[in-house]
Amino acid sequence: MLSLGHIQITRPPRCLPIGSITKACLAAGATPIFAHHTVKHAGKKPGRNGALYQTYEPAELGDLAFAGFAEFAQQWLLIARREDYEPGTGLHRLWLTTGGSAGFNGCYALDVDEGVMQEDFSGKKWEVRVQTQAEAARSQVTAKLDAAARRELEDRQKVLNALTERGSQEGITINRPMPHVVLRRSAVERHLAALSNSGAVEICGEHKGGSKWRSSCWNQG
């Protein structure tokens, strides 16, 4: 659908006299702005099984639906999602691709928070955060590293808690199940080494070729 003031045109672009419409607007001193949509498979690529999967990449002119629009556009603002919208959050993570025939261009990551309407009709807002594509990539990497670091600390604390709960002055080996700890042996050994370096746990003996560990709090009692 194409909106021209209060007039709405629903014919497909290949049947529209886009050039004539533009000339009429320019002659009247107005800049025509066409609000268009992309094809259904925009931002999708075929997988090994032939099914399409979402890539969440920035939109391109070639993603515009129907023939002629990409070739006709002299300036453009293309919007695509960086990730699926989660209903009830009011948060939209988008790509905004800008460009023009004069040679200018850019790609930006937009975080649009429109809030969530409450029962008393409050809660709506409009907050926009803008980053360049490079800044967004760095932020994503930092977020992943922060999340990984948090998981590492949480798992380490679980190992310490397990030793404190089940340990005794005689200690326990890592061959025994630890409550609330579902980790590979190599991960448990890594956490035990870090906890030992910090003085939180200690080796208190050997059992069937393996070290027996206990929380250092048993030495403080």
Protein backbone atom coordinates (compact mmCIF):
# COMPACT_ATOMS: atom_id res chain seq x y z
CA MET A 1 0.00 0.00 0.00
CA LEU A 2 1.29 3.45 -0.94
CA SER A 3 0.09 6.51 0.97
CA LEU A 4 0.00 9.90 -0.74
CA GLY A 5 -1.43 12.35 1.75
CA HIS A 6 -4.93 11.04 2.39
CA ILE A 7 -4.89 8.92 -0.78
CA GLN A 8 -4.02 5.24 -0.50
CA ILE A 9 -2.95 3.22 -3.54
CA THR A 10 -2.98 -0.54 -3.24
CA ARG A 11 -1.81 -1.53 -6.72
CA PRO A 12 1.59 -3.25 -6.89
CA PRO A 13 4.55 -0.97 -7.76
CA ARG A 14 5.08 -2.53 -11.19
CA CYS A 15 1.69 -1.01 -12.15
CA LEU A 16 2.31 2.32 -10.45
CA PRO A 17 3.61 5.35 -12.37
CA ILE A 18 6.26 5.97 -9.70
CA GLY A 19 8.15 8.41 -11.89
CA SER A 20 5.03 10.47 -12.60
CA ILE A 21 4.08 10.53 -8.91
CA THR A 22 7.57 11.71 -8.00
CA LYS A 23 7.60 14.43 -10.66
CA ALA A 24 4.21 15.68 -9.46
CA CYS A 25 5.42 15.85 -5.85
CA LEU A 26 8.64 17.65 -6.79
CA ALA A 27 6.74 20.12 -8.95
CA ALA A 28 4.57 20.93 -5.93
CA GLY A 29 7.68 21.49 -3.79
CA ALA A 30 7.27 18.25 -1.84
CA THR A 31 9.70 15.38 -1.40
CA PRO A 32 8.00 12.03 -2.04
CA ILE A 33 8.59 9.35 0.60
CA PHE A 34 7.54 5.80 -0.25
CA ALA A 35 6.90 3.47 2.69
CA HIS A 36 7.54 0.03 1.27
CA HIS A 37 8.09 -3.51 2.56
CA THR A 38 10.58 -6.29 1.98
CA VAL A 39 10.05 -9.75 0.57
CA LYS A 40 9.09 -12.55 2.96
CA HIS A 41 12.48 -14.26 2.73
CA ALA A 42 14.45 -11.09 3.48
CA GLY A 43 17.18 -11.78 6.02
CA LYS A 44 16.87 -15.54 5.52
CA LYS A 45 19.24 -18.07 4.03
CA PRO A 46 18.76 -21.74 3.11
CA GLY A 47 20.21 -24.30 5.48
CA ARG A 48 21.65 -27.71 4.65
CA ASN A 49 18.19 -29.26 4.58
CA GLY A 50 16.92 -26.54 2.27
CA ALA A 51 14.82 -24.84 4.95
CA LEU A 52 15.24 -21.08 5.42
CA TYR A 53 16.68 -19.77 8.67
CA GLN A 54 16.77 -16.21 9.98
CA THR A 55 20.15 -14.49 9.82
CA TYR A 56 19.16 -11.18 11.45
CA GLU A 57 21.46 -9.30 9.08
CA PRO A 58 20.91 -5.67 8.02
CA ALA A 59 18.47 -5.19 5.14
CA GLU A 60 19.67 -4.39 1.62
CA LEU A 61 18.00 -2.71 -1.35
CA GLY A 62 17.68 -6.10 -2.98
CA ASP A 63 15.36 -7.16 -0.15
CA LEU A 64 12.64 -4.73 -1.29
CA ALA A 65 9.55 -6.38 -2.72
CA PHE A 66 8.57 -6.04 -6.38
CA ALA A 67 10.71 -4.94 -9.29
CA GLY A 68 11.72 -1.34 -9.76
CA PHE A 69 11.83 0.02 -6.22
CA ALA A 70 15.51 -0.75 -5.58
CA GLU A 71 16.51 0.79 -8.91
CA PHE A 72 14.30 3.84 -8.43
CA ALA A 73 15.32 4.71 -4.85
CA GLN A 74 17.72 7.64 -4.56
CA GLN A 75 17.81 7.71 -0.75
CA TRP A 76 16.73 4.97 1.62
CA LEU A 77 16.21 3.94 5.22
CA LEU A 78 15.95 0.17 5.55
CA ILE A 79 14.81 -1.47 8.78
CA ALA A 80 15.36 -5.09 9.82
CA ARG A 81 15.28 -6.92 13.12
CA ARG A 82 18.49 -7.89 14.93
CA GLU A 83 16.56 -10.47 16.92
CA ASP A 84 12.99 -11.66 17.32
CA TYR A 85 10.62 -9.41 19.21
CA GLU A 86 9.57 -10.87 22.55
CA PRO A 87 5.91 -9.99 23.19
CA GLY A 88 5.30 -8.18 26.45
CA THR A 89 8.70 -6.47 26.60
CA GLY A 90 8.14 -3.45 24.37
CA LEU A 91 11.79 -3.71 23.29
CA HIS A 92 12.70 -3.82 19.60
CA ARG A 93 16.30 -4.47 18.53
CA LEU A 94 16.67 -3.31 14.95
CA TRP A 95 19.12 -2.61 12.15
CA LEU A 96 18.83 0.71 10.33
CA THR A 97 20.63 0.85 6.99
CA THR A 98 20.95 4.27 5.36
CA GLY A 99 22.20 5.18 1.93
CA GLY A 100 21.80 7.30 -1.15
CA SER A 101 22.87 7.58 -4.76
CA ALA A 102 25.21 10.44 -3.78
CA GLY A 103 27.40 7.88 -2.03
CA PHE A 104 26.57 8.34 1.65
CA ASN A 105 25.72 5.24 3.68
CA GLY A 106 25.68 3.84 7.17
CA CYS A 107 24.45 0.95 9.30
CA TYR A 108 23.22 1.42 12.85
CA ALA A 109 21.90 -0.73 15.65
CA LEU A 110 18.73 0.66 17.20
CA ASP A 111 17.26 -0.35 20.55
CA VAL A 112 13.73 1.03 20.68
CA ASP A 113 11.97 0.67 24.03
CA GLU A 114 8.31 1.62 23.78
CA GLY A 115 7.44 0.30 27.22
CA VAL A 116 4.47 -1.85 28.17
CA MET A 117 1.00 -0.46 28.80
CA GLN A 118 -0.31 -1.13 32.30
CA GLU A 119 -3.90 -1.46 33.48
CA ASP A 120 -4.01 2.26 34.31
CA PHE A 121 -2.73 3.06 30.78
CA SER A 122 0.69 4.11 32.10
CA GLY A 123 4.00 2.52 31.18
CA LYS A 124 4.27 3.62 27.56
CA LYS A 125 7.44 5.46 26.54
CA TRP A 126 9.77 5.99 23.62
CA GLU A 127 13.45 5.52 24.36
CA VAL A 128 15.93 4.97 21.54
CA ARG A 129 19.57 3.95 21.76
CA VAL A 130 21.71 4.23 18.62
CA GLN A 131 25.03 2.49 17.98
CA THR A 132 27.10 1.98 14.87
CA GLN A 133 27.35 -1.55 13.53
CA ALA A 134 30.91 -1.82 14.85
CA GLU A 135 29.89 -0.58 18.31
CA ALA A 136 27.01 -3.06 18.39
CA ALA A 137 29.36 -5.90 17.48
CA ARG A 138 31.75 -4.95 20.27
CA SER A 139 28.85 -4.66 22.73
CA GLN A 140 27.64 -8.13 21.73
CA VAL A 141 31.07 -9.63 22.26
CA THR A 142 31.40 -7.90 25.62
CA ALA A 143 27.95 -9.10 26.68
CA LYS A 144 28.86 -12.70 25.76
CA LEU A 145 32.13 -12.49 27.68
CA ASP A 146 30.36 -10.99 30.71
CA ALA A 147 27.72 -13.74 30.59
CA ALA A 148 30.42 -16.42 30.35
CA ALA A 149 32.30 -14.88 33.29
CA ARG A 150 29.11 -14.82 35.36
CA ARG A 151 28.41 -18.48 34.60
CA GLU A 152 31.99 -19.36 35.55
CA LEU A 153 31.67 -17.65 38.93
CA GLU A 154 28.26 -19.20 39.54
CA ASP A 155 29.57 -22.69 38.78
CA ARG A 156 32.60 -22.11 41.01
CA GLN A 157 30.34 -21.07 43.86
CA LYS A 158 28.23 -24.23 43.35
CA VAL A 159 31.36 -26.38 43.71
CA LEU A 160 32.33 -24.55 46.89
CA ASN A 161 28.82 -24.85 48.29
CA ALA A 162 28.81 -28.57 47.51
CA LEU A 163 32.08 -29.09 49.38
CA THR A 164 30.78 -27.10 52.32
CA GLU A 165 27.48 -28.99 52.43
CA ARG A 166 28.77 -32.51 51.86
CA GLY A 167 32.36 -32.19 52.88
CA SER A 168 33.76 -33.18 56.20
CA GLN A 169 37.11 -32.95 57.86
CA GLU A 170 38.05 -36.10 55.93
CA GLY A 171 37.10 -34.45 52.62
CA ILE A 172 35.48 -35.87 49.49
CA THR A 173 36.71 -36.74 46.02
CA ILE A 174 35.36 -35.32 42.79
CA ASN A 175 34.29 -38.84 41.82
CA ARG A 176 31.36 -38.48 44.20
CA PRO A 177 28.29 -36.59 42.95
CA MET A 178 28.04 -33.05 44.20
CA PRO A 179 24.60 -31.59 44.99
CA HIS A 180 23.40 -28.95 42.50
CA VAL A 181 26.57 -29.38 40.39
CA VAL A 182 26.18 -30.69 36.84
CA LEU A 183 29.60 -30.12 35.29
CA ARG A 184 32.21 -32.09 33.44
CA ARG A 185 35.08 -33.45 35.47
CA SER A 186 37.51 -31.08 33.72
CA ALA A 187 35.34 -28.10 34.72
CA VAL A 188 35.17 -29.26 38.34
CA GLU A 189 38.95 -29.69 38.40
CA ARG A 190 39.38 -26.18 36.97
CA HIS A 191 37.14 -24.68 39.64
CA LEU A 192 38.87 -26.65 42.41
CA ALA A 193 42.25 -25.34 41.24
CA ALA A 194 40.96 -21.75 41.28
CA LEU A 195 39.34 -22.22 44.70
CA SER A 196 42.56 -23.77 46.01
CA ASN A 197 44.61 -20.83 44.77
CA SER A 198 42.27 -18.45 46.58
CA GLY A 199 42.47 -20.50 49.77
CA ALA A 200 38.78 -21.41 49.77
CA VAL A 201 39.39 -25.19 49.51
CA GLU A 202 42.27 -27.50 50.23
CA ILE A 203 43.50 -31.02 49.56
CA CYS A 204 43.29 -33.10 52.69
CA GLY A 205 44.36 -36.52 51.44
CA GLU A 206 44.28 -39.11 48.67
CA HIS A 207 41.70 -41.78 47.90
CA LYS A 208 42.04 -44.39 45.14
CA GLY A 209 44.41 -42.25 43.15
CA GLY A 210 42.36 -39.10 43.48
CA SER A 211 42.70 -36.08 45.71
CA LYS A 212 40.26 -35.54 48.54
CA TRP A 213 39.01 -31.99 48.84
CA ARG A 214 37.36 -30.05 51.60
CA SER A 215 36.32 -26.51 52.27
CA SER A 216 38.91 -24.51 54.18
CA CYS A 217 36.20 -23.62 56.70
CA TRP A 218 36.72 -27.06 58.26
CA ASN A 219 40.20 -25.93 59.31
CA GLN A 220 38.73 -22.87 60.97
CA GLY A 221 36.41 -24.83 63.25
